[in-house]
Amino acid sequence: MNYENTVLYRCTSSRKFAIGRSKKQMIRLSELPVGKSGVISMFEKDAIHLKLMEMGCVPGERVKMEKKAPLGDPISISVAGYQLSLRKTEAENVWLDDIL
């Protein structure tokens, strides 16, 4: 499926949440290089979405990739003033934009 011009919004019939960016401008949290940061823009999968929001990962919050395990799983990010470890499969459901 081509996501270049797709803009996703939260609605009752969708299992996605976004703040209005196209996926062309975004990358997954799991793809963020160590030392770089980005702003959470969109989630996929409601169960992960709720879990991450309870831990401070909300849309508009800046996250920084702190560490990755040698095989890429798990990862350690800095968000909302604390360190959080996530599985790679969980990080694949978080889309970031405004990468620094």
Protein backbone atom coordinates (compact mmCIF):
# COMPACT_ATOMS: atom_id res chain seq x y z
CA MET A 1 0.00 0.00 0.00
CA ASN A 2 1.30 3.47 -0.87
CA TYR A 3 1.15 5.92 2.07
CA GLU A 4 2.83 8.90 0.40
CA ASN A 5 -0.20 11.20 0.49
CA THR A 6 -2.23 9.55 3.24
CA VAL A 7 -3.32 11.60 6.22
CA LEU A 8 -4.85 9.58 9.06
CA TYR A 9 -7.07 10.88 11.86
CA ARG A 10 -8.58 9.21 14.92
CA CYS A 11 -12.16 8.14 14.35
CA THR A 12 -14.47 5.43 15.64
CA SER A 13 -14.08 3.29 12.51
CA SER A 14 -10.28 3.53 12.45
CA ARG A 15 -7.62 2.04 14.72
CA LYS A 16 -5.17 4.83 14.04
CA PHE A 17 -4.45 8.20 15.61
CA ALA A 18 -2.64 11.10 13.96
CA ILE A 19 -2.25 14.83 14.26
CA GLY A 20 -2.50 15.45 10.52
CA ARG A 21 0.81 14.63 8.84
CA SER A 22 1.34 12.38 5.84
CA LYS A 23 3.38 9.22 6.35
CA LYS A 24 5.81 10.43 3.69
CA GLN A 25 7.22 12.91 6.22
CA MET A 26 7.36 10.45 9.12
CA ILE A 27 9.45 7.51 10.31
CA ARG A 28 8.76 4.77 12.81
CA LEU A 29 10.23 5.05 16.30
CA SER A 30 12.00 1.73 15.71
CA GLU A 31 13.87 3.31 12.75
CA LEU A 32 15.09 6.40 14.65
CA PRO A 33 18.91 6.47 14.88
CA VAL A 34 20.58 6.55 18.32
CA GLY A 35 21.06 10.15 19.50
CA LYS A 36 18.28 11.56 17.28
CA SER A 37 14.91 12.80 18.47
CA GLY A 38 11.46 13.27 16.99
CA VAL A 39 7.93 14.27 17.92
CA ILE A 40 5.25 11.60 18.31
CA SER A 41 2.75 12.09 15.53
CA MET A 42 0.70 8.90 15.17
CA PHE A 43 0.03 5.49 16.72
CA GLU A 44 -1.20 2.24 15.23
CA LYS A 45 -3.00 -0.54 17.15
CA ASP A 46 -5.25 0.62 19.99
CA ALA A 47 -3.84 -1.68 22.70
CA ILE A 48 -0.32 -0.31 22.21
CA HIS A 49 -1.70 3.23 21.83
CA LEU A 50 -3.31 3.17 25.28
CA LYS A 51 -0.31 1.54 26.96
CA LEU A 52 2.12 4.10 25.53
CA MET A 53 -0.10 7.07 26.36
CA GLU A 54 -0.30 5.91 29.99
CA MET A 55 3.52 5.97 30.05
CA GLY A 56 3.74 9.56 28.77
CA CYS A 57 4.07 8.94 25.03
CA VAL A 58 1.40 11.31 23.79
CA PRO A 59 1.12 13.02 20.40
CA GLY A 60 3.25 16.14 20.36
CA GLU A 61 5.73 14.80 22.93
CA ARG A 62 9.41 14.78 21.88
CA VAL A 63 11.24 11.46 22.27
CA LYS A 64 14.96 10.76 21.97
CA MET A 65 16.52 7.43 21.04
CA GLU A 66 19.05 6.73 23.80
CA LYS A 67 20.17 3.14 23.17
CA LYS A 68 19.51 0.11 21.00
CA ALA A 69 20.45 -3.46 21.87
CA PRO A 70 22.95 -5.09 19.49
CA LEU A 71 20.20 -6.89 17.59
CA GLY A 72 17.85 -3.89 17.80
CA ASP A 73 15.51 -5.23 20.47
CA PRO A 74 14.81 -3.73 23.01
CA ILE A 75 15.33 0.01 22.62
CA SER A 76 15.66 2.73 25.25
CA ILE A 77 14.07 6.14 24.70
CA SER A 78 13.88 9.33 26.72
CA VAL A 79 10.34 10.71 26.96
CA ALA A 80 8.61 13.10 29.37
CA GLY A 81 11.75 13.36 31.52
CA TYR A 82 12.41 9.64 32.09
CA GLN A 83 13.88 6.57 30.39
CA LEU A 84 11.53 4.01 28.84
CA SER A 85 12.43 0.63 27.33
CA LEU A 86 10.26 -0.72 24.52
CA ARG A 87 10.24 -3.81 22.39
CA LYS A 88 10.95 -3.25 18.73
CA THR A 89 7.46 -4.46 17.84
CA GLU A 90 5.95 -1.82 20.14
CA ALA A 91 8.18 0.92 18.69
CA GLU A 92 7.10 -0.01 15.15
CA ASN A 93 3.58 1.22 15.99
CA VAL A 94 4.73 4.78 16.79
CA TRP A 95 5.22 7.28 13.96
CA LEU A 96 7.46 10.34 14.44
CA ASP A 97 7.99 13.57 12.56
CA ASP A 98 10.08 16.71 13.13
CA ILE A 99 13.28 14.63 13.37
CA LEU A 100 16.33 16.40 14.86
